[in-house]
Amino acid sequence: MIRHRIVRVLCAALPLLALTALRLPAQSMDDLNIQLHGYATQGFLYSNHNSWNGTDSSSGSAAWTEAVMNVSAQPDAKLRIGVQARYFLLGDYGDQIRLDWAQADYKVNQHLGFRAGMVKTPTGLWNETQDIDPAHLWALLPQSIYQIASRDSLLNHYGGVVYGAVQLGERSKLEYRGFGGTRIISGNDSVFQPLRDQGMSVPNGIRGPIYGAALHLQLPFGFMVGTSADVEKPSGEIVAGPLSGTIKSNRIVSPDFFGKLERGKVMLAAEYDRTPVNSAIAFNGLPAIPDPTDYRAWYAMASYRLSSKLNAGAYYSSFMNRAAAVSSSRFQKDWTVAARYDFNPYLYAKAEQHFIDGTAVGFNASDNPNLQATARMTILKLGVSF
């Protein structure tokens, strides 16, 4: 699987690399400005009853391990080439090494640049940085939008991004991104857990075209407001015992609105996302089964740096499937308080307490035969970066 992805990435980036290579002289390894960075984290989870995302968190679980490494080279002042790999284990999810991204980035000037390959999808406030744990206070970003078990599939797509910025006076500028290509959601992604609970599987995942755009307006005094939207039309094979068929969706349009303030020791942020999906499952020889969903998600967060080493904050996160029947499984509300302590520039620790009402995100019936409507979850996380 990884080998096939690398081949696709190289094929996507090859035209750009070839055109650039024609005008580059021979270079030494030092001239390439090769950089290596990464991090590793180990998490511990405890929930008062419901087990979370395939872990045995109701008994206490350390089944949350992550290791990320990226390498980049800059053979030309305008060209940067990089790749990032990740090992991920979260309960029943992962336990494998996969590519996060692999891309060639050519920046013509501050107004125009291009990325090609397996690129990060520039949607929302945090999607382009959700793979950088050392950059965040939170052990978990708000799960209403940035679900950890779906991170691999939502972080990237195969294709390209065009980006740039336009200066608006002395203290403001408008940053833009436009993107397109193909998104692949793997068959073991958490988004398919409700199907697995019903005895169905999506062995090869689903895939389809994706395109969209994002605007970030940088304002004085540390304000930023933005919006993004992506359009997708995924499909794939579905299997239930001896039956096989297809799972298809209509054209999905997902708008997102967000804002952030960073000033002094204070950070405030909020985001809203909606994803309405009219999908259908059609087993061979049988009538199609409609499976509509209407996801509404938002959060608001705040943090304050208490000292050079200690940061603390809180957020409220809300998720609801408006198309689902009324029950605790159609929504989730999560009050979270968190703290982070940096021992030195390389070693840090996080502690987080979640007060959760509703089971729509992360709590699966297959892991919890006696699923409760509310849960409390404590997270401890130790990380090292280089």
Protein backbone atom coordinates (compact mmCIF):
# COMPACT_ATOMS: atom_id res chain seq x y z
CA MET A 1 0.00 0.00 0.00
CA ILE A 2 2.74 2.48 0.99
CA ARG A 3 4.81 1.57 -2.07
CA HIS A 4 1.85 2.24 -4.37
CA ARG A 5 1.25 5.61 -2.73
CA ILE A 6 4.88 6.63 -3.14
CA VAL A 7 4.68 5.79 -6.85
CA ARG A 8 1.57 7.95 -7.26
CA VAL A 9 3.20 10.81 -5.36
CA LEU A 10 6.35 10.70 -7.49
CA CYS A 11 4.29 10.59 -10.67
CA ALA A 12 2.33 13.65 -9.55
CA ALA A 13 5.45 15.63 -8.64
CA LEU A 14 7.67 14.49 -11.53
CA PRO A 15 6.74 17.19 -14.09
CA LEU A 16 7.54 19.98 -11.63
CA LEU A 17 10.80 18.36 -10.54
CA ALA A 18 11.89 17.75 -14.12
CA LEU A 19 11.29 21.35 -15.21
CA THR A 20 13.20 22.67 -12.21
CA ALA A 21 16.07 20.22 -12.57
CA LEU A 22 16.79 21.51 -16.09
CA ARG A 23 18.11 24.77 -14.71
CA LEU A 24 19.80 23.51 -11.52
CA PRO A 25 23.60 23.01 -11.48
CA ALA A 26 25.14 19.99 -9.78
CA GLN A 27 24.90 20.39 -6.00
CA SER A 28 26.50 18.89 -2.91
CA MET A 29 24.52 17.44 0.00
CA ASP A 30 25.20 20.64 2.00
CA ASP A 31 23.77 22.75 -0.82
CA LEU A 32 20.52 20.76 -0.66
CA ASN A 33 19.88 22.04 2.89
CA ILE A 34 18.56 18.67 4.07
CA GLN A 35 16.61 18.82 7.35
CA LEU A 36 15.27 16.01 9.53
CA HIS A 37 12.56 16.59 12.14
CA GLY A 38 10.08 14.50 14.06
CA TYR A 39 8.47 13.60 17.34
CA ALA A 40 7.21 10.62 19.33
CA THR A 41 4.40 10.52 21.89
CA GLN A 42 3.01 8.00 24.35
CA GLY A 43 -0.48 8.47 25.73
CA PHE A 44 -2.41 6.98 28.64
CA LEU A 45 -6.22 6.97 28.67
CA TYR A 46 -8.70 6.35 31.46
CA SER A 47 -12.49 6.68 31.14
CA ASN A 48 -14.93 6.01 33.94
CA HIS A 49 -16.91 3.42 31.94
CA ASN A 50 -17.17 3.70 28.14
CA SER A 51 -14.05 2.56 26.26
CA TRP A 52 -12.84 5.01 23.64
CA ASN A 53 -11.81 4.37 20.02
CA GLY A 54 -10.95 0.68 20.29
CA THR A 55 -8.87 1.05 23.47
CA ASP A 56 -9.67 -0.54 26.81
CA SER A 57 -9.74 2.92 28.38
CA SER A 58 -12.43 1.95 30.91
CA SER A 59 -9.72 -0.16 32.59
CA GLY A 60 -6.92 2.29 31.75
CA SER A 61 -5.02 1.94 28.49
CA ALA A 62 -1.60 2.90 27.14
CA ALA A 63 -2.55 1.78 23.61
CA TRP A 64 -1.87 5.18 22.07
CA THR A 65 1.54 5.56 20.48
CA GLU A 66 2.65 7.86 17.71
CA ALA A 67 5.97 8.52 15.98
CA VAL A 68 6.42 10.99 13.12
CA MET A 69 9.50 11.75 11.03
CA ASN A 70 9.93 14.09 8.08
CA VAL A 71 12.86 14.90 5.83
CA SER A 72 13.07 17.84 3.45
CA ALA A 73 15.57 19.22 0.96
CA GLN A 74 15.86 22.60 -0.75
CA PRO A 75 17.84 22.22 -3.99
CA ASP A 76 16.82 25.73 -5.09
CA ALA A 77 15.75 28.90 -3.30
CA LYS A 78 12.22 28.47 -4.66
CA LEU A 79 11.89 24.67 -4.49
CA ARG A 80 11.46 22.47 -1.42
CA ILE A 81 10.90 18.70 -1.52
CA GLY A 82 9.75 16.75 1.53
CA VAL A 83 8.15 13.59 2.86
CA GLN A 84 6.67 12.64 6.24
CA ALA A 85 5.98 9.15 7.59
CA ARG A 86 4.00 8.24 10.71
CA TYR A 87 3.64 5.23 12.96
CA PHE A 88 0.28 5.24 14.72
CA LEU A 89 -1.39 2.93 17.22
CA LEU A 90 -4.70 3.75 18.91
CA GLY A 91 -6.45 0.71 20.30
CA ASP A 92 -7.70 -1.28 17.30
CA TYR A 93 -6.69 1.43 14.81
CA GLY A 94 -3.37 1.76 13.03
CA ASP A 95 -0.35 -0.23 14.25
CA GLN A 96 1.33 0.52 10.94
CA ILE A 97 3.58 3.03 9.21
CA ARG A 98 1.93 5.25 6.62
CA LEU A 99 2.74 8.36 4.65
CA ASP A 100 1.34 11.65 5.92
CA TRP A 101 2.50 13.67 2.93
CA ALA A 102 5.14 13.69 0.20
CA GLN A 103 5.32 16.78 -1.95
CA ALA A 104 7.31 19.19 -4.08
CA ASP A 105 6.69 22.87 -3.25
CA TYR A 106 7.66 25.60 -5.71
CA LYS A 107 7.18 29.19 -4.49
CA VAL A 108 7.36 31.69 -7.35
CA ASN A 109 7.01 34.68 -5.01
CA GLN A 110 4.88 35.75 -2.05
CA HIS A 111 1.83 35.97 -4.32
CA LEU A 112 2.02 32.52 -5.97
CA GLY A 113 3.24 29.03 -5.14
CA PHE A 114 2.45 25.42 -6.06
CA ARG A 115 2.54 22.09 -4.22
CA ALA A 116 2.17 18.72 -5.94
CA GLY A 117 2.13 15.10 -4.76
CA MET A 118 0.47 13.76 -1.63
CA VAL A 119 -0.33 17.16 -0.12
CA LYS A 120 -2.03 18.39 3.01
CA THR A 121 -5.63 19.46 2.40
CA PRO A 122 -5.84 23.15 3.46
CA THR A 123 -9.30 23.09 5.05
CA GLY A 124 -10.38 24.45 8.40
CA LEU A 125 -8.24 26.10 11.04
CA TRP A 126 -6.01 23.20 12.08
CA ASN A 127 -6.02 20.59 9.29
CA GLU A 128 -2.63 21.66 7.90
CA THR A 129 -1.06 21.48 11.39
CA GLN A 130 -2.98 18.66 13.08
CA ASP A 131 -0.04 16.32 12.33
CA ILE A 132 2.31 18.47 14.48
CA ASP A 133 1.60 17.47 18.09
CA PRO A 134 4.49 19.53 19.58
CA ALA A 135 2.86 22.69 18.23
CA HIS A 136 -0.38 22.24 20.21
CA LEU A 137 -1.41 22.60 23.83
CA TRP A 138 -4.09 19.96 23.38
CA ALA A 139 -3.57 16.20 23.62
CA LEU A 140 -6.68 15.97 21.42
CA LEU A 141 -7.85 18.70 19.11
CA PRO A 142 -11.67 19.13 19.26
CA GLN A 143 -13.05 15.77 18.18
CA SER A 144 -16.18 17.28 16.65
CA ILE A 145 -14.04 18.26 13.62
CA TYR A 146 -10.53 16.76 14.03
CA GLN A 147 -11.29 13.16 14.92
CA ILE A 148 -8.04 11.39 15.80
CA ALA A 149 -9.03 8.01 14.33
CA SER A 150 -9.80 9.68 10.96
CA ARG A 151 -6.68 11.86 10.88
CA ASP A 152 -4.86 9.79 8.22
CA SER A 153 -7.70 10.13 5.75
CA LEU A 154 -8.65 13.76 6.39
CA LEU A 155 -5.14 15.23 6.51
CA ASN A 156 -4.21 14.82 2.84
CA HIS A 157 -5.17 14.19 -0.76
CA TYR A 158 -3.32 13.24 -3.96
CA GLY A 159 -3.05 16.20 -6.30
CA GLY A 160 -2.00 19.81 -5.83
CA VAL A 161 -2.41 23.12 -4.03
CA VAL A 162 -1.93 26.62 -5.40
CA TYR A 163 -1.34 29.26 -2.71
CA GLY A 164 -0.24 32.81 -2.11
CA ALA A 165 -0.97 36.09 -0.33
CA VAL A 166 -2.08 39.58 -1.26
CA GLN A 167 -1.04 42.50 0.94
CA LEU A 168 -3.92 44.72 2.09
CA GLY A 169 -2.30 47.81 3.49
CA GLU A 170 0.56 47.77 5.97
CA ARG A 171 -0.92 45.45 8.60
CA SER A 172 -3.34 43.13 6.82
CA LYS A 173 -3.12 40.51 4.11
CA LEU A 174 -5.33 37.92 2.44
CA GLU A 175 -3.90 34.40 2.11
CA TYR A 176 -5.50 32.02 -0.38
CA ARG A 177 -5.30 28.31 -1.19
CA GLY A 178 -6.94 26.40 -4.02
CA PHE A 179 -6.69 22.63 -4.21
CA GLY A 180 -7.81 19.57 -6.14
CA GLY A 181 -7.13 15.90 -6.73
CA THR A 182 -8.25 12.59 -5.26
CA ARG A 183 -9.03 11.73 -1.63
CA ILE A 184 -8.77 8.15 -0.34
CA ILE A 185 -10.40 7.09 2.95
CA SER A 186 -8.98 3.75 4.04
CA GLY A 187 -11.25 0.82 4.83
CA ASN A 188 -10.24 0.70 8.51
CA ASP A 189 -11.07 4.36 9.14
CA SER A 190 -13.28 5.09 12.14
CA VAL A 191 -15.90 6.69 9.88
CA PHE A 192 -16.91 3.16 8.82
CA GLN A 193 -17.30 1.82 12.38
CA PRO A 194 -21.13 2.05 12.33
CA LEU A 195 -21.09 -0.17 9.22
CA ARG A 196 -18.70 -2.63 10.87
CA ASP A 197 -21.01 -2.79 13.89
CA GLN A 198 -23.73 -3.96 11.45
CA GLY A 199 -21.52 -6.68 9.91
CA MET A 200 -20.49 -4.70 6.82
CA SER A 201 -17.02 -3.69 5.64
CA VAL A 202 -15.48 -1.40 3.04
CA PRO A 203 -12.39 -3.50 2.21
CA ASN A 204 -10.70 -1.06 -0.16
CA GLY A 205 -12.00 2.11 1.39
CA ILE A 206 -13.69 4.81 -0.66
CA ARG A 207 -12.18 7.35 -3.00
CA GLY A 208 -13.22 10.15 -5.28
CA PRO A 209 -12.40 13.61 -6.60
CA ILE A 210 -11.91 16.51 -4.20
CA TYR A 211 -11.48 20.21 -4.84
CA GLY A 212 -11.94 23.41 -2.94
CA ALA A 213 -10.47 26.66 -1.65
CA ALA A 214 -9.60 28.51 1.55
CA LEU A 215 -9.21 32.18 2.47
CA HIS A 216 -7.40 33.50 5.58
CA LEU A 217 -7.67 37.22 6.31
CA GLN A 218 -4.82 38.31 8.60
CA LEU A 219 -5.80 41.45 10.52
CA PRO A 220 -4.04 43.77 12.98
CA PHE A 221 -3.63 42.91 16.68
CA GLY A 222 -3.27 39.16 16.02
CA PHE A 223 -6.73 38.55 14.54
CA MET A 224 -7.38 36.08 11.73
CA VAL A 225 -10.74 35.13 10.20
CA GLY A 226 -11.19 32.60 7.45
CA THR A 227 -13.36 30.22 5.52
CA SER A 228 -12.83 27.10 3.45
CA ALA A 229 -14.96 24.70 1.45
CA ASP A 230 -14.28 21.33 -0.12
CA VAL A 231 -16.34 19.38 -2.62
CA GLU A 232 -16.10 15.58 -2.84
CA LYS A 233 -17.89 12.67 -4.50
CA PRO A 234 -16.60 9.38 -3.00
CA SER A 235 -17.56 5.79 -3.83
CA GLY A 236 -16.28 2.28 -3.15
CA GLU A 237 -17.06 -1.41 -2.67
CA ILE A 238 -19.02 -2.70 0.33
CA VAL A 239 -19.29 -6.29 1.58
CA ALA A 240 -21.73 -7.95 4.02
CA GLY A 241 -21.16 -11.70 4.31
CA PRO A 242 -21.79 -13.24 0.86
CA LEU A 243 -23.24 -9.98 -0.46
CA SER A 244 -21.20 -7.32 -2.24
CA GLY A 245 -22.10 -4.04 -3.80
CA THR A 246 -21.25 -0.36 -3.85
CA ILE A 247 -21.46 2.58 -1.52
CA LYS A 248 -21.85 5.91 -3.29
CA SER A 249 -22.47 9.47 -2.30
CA ASN A 250 -23.84 12.54 -3.97
CA ARG A 251 -21.65 15.60 -4.40
CA ILE A 252 -20.68 16.61 -0.83
CA VAL A 253 -20.11 20.31 -0.16
CA SER A 254 -18.54 21.06 3.25
CA PRO A 255 -18.28 24.74 4.24
CA ASP A 256 -16.11 25.76 7.18
CA PHE A 257 -15.80 29.08 9.04
CA PHE A 258 -13.15 29.90 11.63
CA GLY A 259 -11.33 32.63 13.49
CA LYS A 260 -8.37 33.02 15.82
CA LEU A 261 -6.82 35.66 18.06
CA GLU A 262 -3.24 35.37 19.27
CA ARG A 263 -2.09 38.30 21.35
CA GLY A 264 0.49 38.19 24.11
CA LYS A 265 -0.15 35.16 26.33
CA VAL A 266 -3.74 34.67 25.12
CA MET A 267 -5.09 32.51 22.30
CA LEU A 268 -8.79 32.35 21.36
CA ALA A 269 -10.22 30.31 18.47
CA ALA A 270 -13.54 29.03 17.14
CA GLU A 271 -14.69 27.00 14.13
CA TYR A 272 -17.92 25.76 12.54
CA ASP A 273 -18.25 22.99 9.94
CA ARG A 274 -21.20 21.35 8.21
CA THR A 275 -21.08 18.16 6.11
CA PRO A 276 -24.42 16.96 4.63
CA VAL A 277 -24.11 13.58 2.88
CA ASN A 278 -26.74 11.71 0.84
CA SER A 279 -25.13 8.30 0.43
CA ALA A 280 -26.67 4.97 -0.60
CA ILE A 281 -25.64 1.32 -0.25
CA ALA A 282 -26.58 -0.90 -3.18
CA PHE A 283 -25.92 -4.65 -2.90
CA ASN A 284 -25.96 -6.51 -6.20
CA GLY A 285 -29.51 -7.54 -7.13
CA LEU A 286 -31.12 -5.64 -4.22
CA PRO A 287 -32.73 -2.19 -3.96
CA ALA A 288 -30.46 0.62 -2.83
CA ILE A 289 -30.50 1.52 0.88
CA PRO A 290 -30.32 5.29 1.53
CA ASP A 291 -28.02 6.39 4.37
CA PRO A 292 -28.29 10.19 4.74
CA THR A 293 -26.29 12.13 7.32
CA ASP A 294 -26.08 15.81 8.21
CA TYR A 295 -23.09 16.56 10.42
CA ARG A 296 -22.97 19.90 12.24
CA ALA A 297 -19.83 20.54 14.28
CA TRP A 298 -18.31 23.50 16.13
CA TYR A 299 -16.01 24.39 18.98
CA ALA A 300 -14.68 27.38 20.90
CA MET A 301 -11.34 27.32 22.74
CA ALA A 302 -9.11 29.54 24.85
CA SER A 303 -5.63 29.20 26.30
CA TYR A 304 -3.30 31.27 28.45
CA ARG A 305 0.47 30.92 28.86
CA LEU A 306 1.08 30.97 32.60
CA SER A 307 4.87 30.87 32.25
CA SER A 308 7.55 30.09 29.69
CA LYS A 309 7.06 26.38 30.42
CA LEU A 310 3.40 26.08 31.44
CA ASN A 311 0.35 26.60 29.20
CA ALA A 312 -3.29 25.92 30.11
CA GLY A 313 -6.62 26.13 28.35
CA ALA A 314 -10.13 24.84 27.80
CA TYR A 315 -12.55 24.20 24.94
CA TYR A 316 -16.14 23.23 24.31
CA SER A 317 -16.77 20.96 21.32
CA SER A 318 -20.16 20.02 19.84
CA PHE A 319 -21.08 17.45 17.19
CA MET A 320 -24.52 16.41 15.92
CA ASN A 321 -25.90 14.31 13.09
CA ARG A 322 -29.19 16.06 12.37
CA ALA A 323 -30.34 13.21 10.10
CA ALA A 324 -30.05 10.52 12.80
CA ALA A 325 -32.80 9.31 15.10
CA VAL A 326 -33.00 11.05 18.47
CA SER A 327 -30.67 9.27 20.92
CA SER A 328 -27.36 9.80 22.69
CA SER A 329 -25.59 8.34 19.63
CA ARG A 330 -26.57 11.26 17.35
CA PHE A 331 -24.60 13.92 19.25
CA GLN A 332 -21.62 14.64 21.45
CA LYS A 333 -20.79 17.58 23.72
CA ASP A 334 -17.31 17.73 25.20
CA TRP A 335 -16.05 20.15 27.86
CA THR A 336 -12.25 19.89 28.05
CA VAL A 337 -9.60 21.41 30.32
CA ALA A 338 -5.91 20.94 29.50
CA ALA A 339 -2.38 21.82 30.58
CA ARG A 340 1.03 21.42 28.97
CA TYR A 341 4.46 21.61 30.59
CA ASP A 342 7.66 21.95 28.54
CA PHE A 343 10.58 20.50 30.49
CA ASN A 344 13.01 21.76 27.83
CA PRO A 345 12.86 22.49 24.07
CA TYR A 346 12.61 18.74 23.32
CA LEU A 347 10.53 17.10 26.09
CA TYR A 348 6.96 17.98 27.04
CA ALA A 349 3.96 16.54 28.91
CA LYS A 350 0.22 17.10 28.50
CA ALA A 351 -2.71 16.43 30.83
CA GLU A 352 -6.33 16.70 29.73
CA GLN A 353 -9.73 16.06 31.28
CA HIS A 354 -12.82 15.52 29.12
CA PHE A 355 -16.44 15.75 30.34
CA ILE A 356 -18.45 14.09 27.55
CA ASP A 357 -22.18 13.89 26.95
CA GLY A 358 -23.27 11.77 23.96
CA THR A 359 -21.57 8.91 22.15
CA ALA A 360 -21.45 10.03 18.49
CA VAL A 361 -17.64 10.31 18.31
CA GLY A 362 -15.18 7.65 19.48
CA PHE A 363 -17.52 5.44 21.51
CA ASN A 364 -18.53 2.40 19.44
CA ALA A 365 -21.16 -0.19 20.29
CA SER A 366 -18.74 -3.00 19.40
CA ASP A 367 -16.35 -1.85 22.17
CA ASN A 368 -19.10 -1.08 24.68
CA PRO A 369 -21.93 -3.64 25.08
CA ASN A 370 -23.29 -1.46 27.91
CA LEU A 371 -22.72 1.93 26.29
CA GLN A 372 -23.50 4.83 28.63
CA ALA A 373 -24.76 8.25 27.50
CA THR A 374 -22.07 10.19 29.41
CA ALA A 375 -18.41 9.61 30.17
CA ARG A 376 -15.41 11.23 31.82
CA MET A 377 -12.00 10.68 30.26
CA THR A 378 -8.51 11.54 31.52
CA ILE A 379 -5.58 11.75 29.10
CA LEU A 380 -1.88 11.90 29.99
CA LYS A 381 0.64 12.31 27.18
CA LEU A 382 4.42 12.47 27.08
CA GLY A 383 6.19 13.71 23.95
CA VAL A 384 9.70 14.23 22.64
CA SER A 385 10.53 16.26 19.52
CA PHE A 386 13.65 16.98 17.51
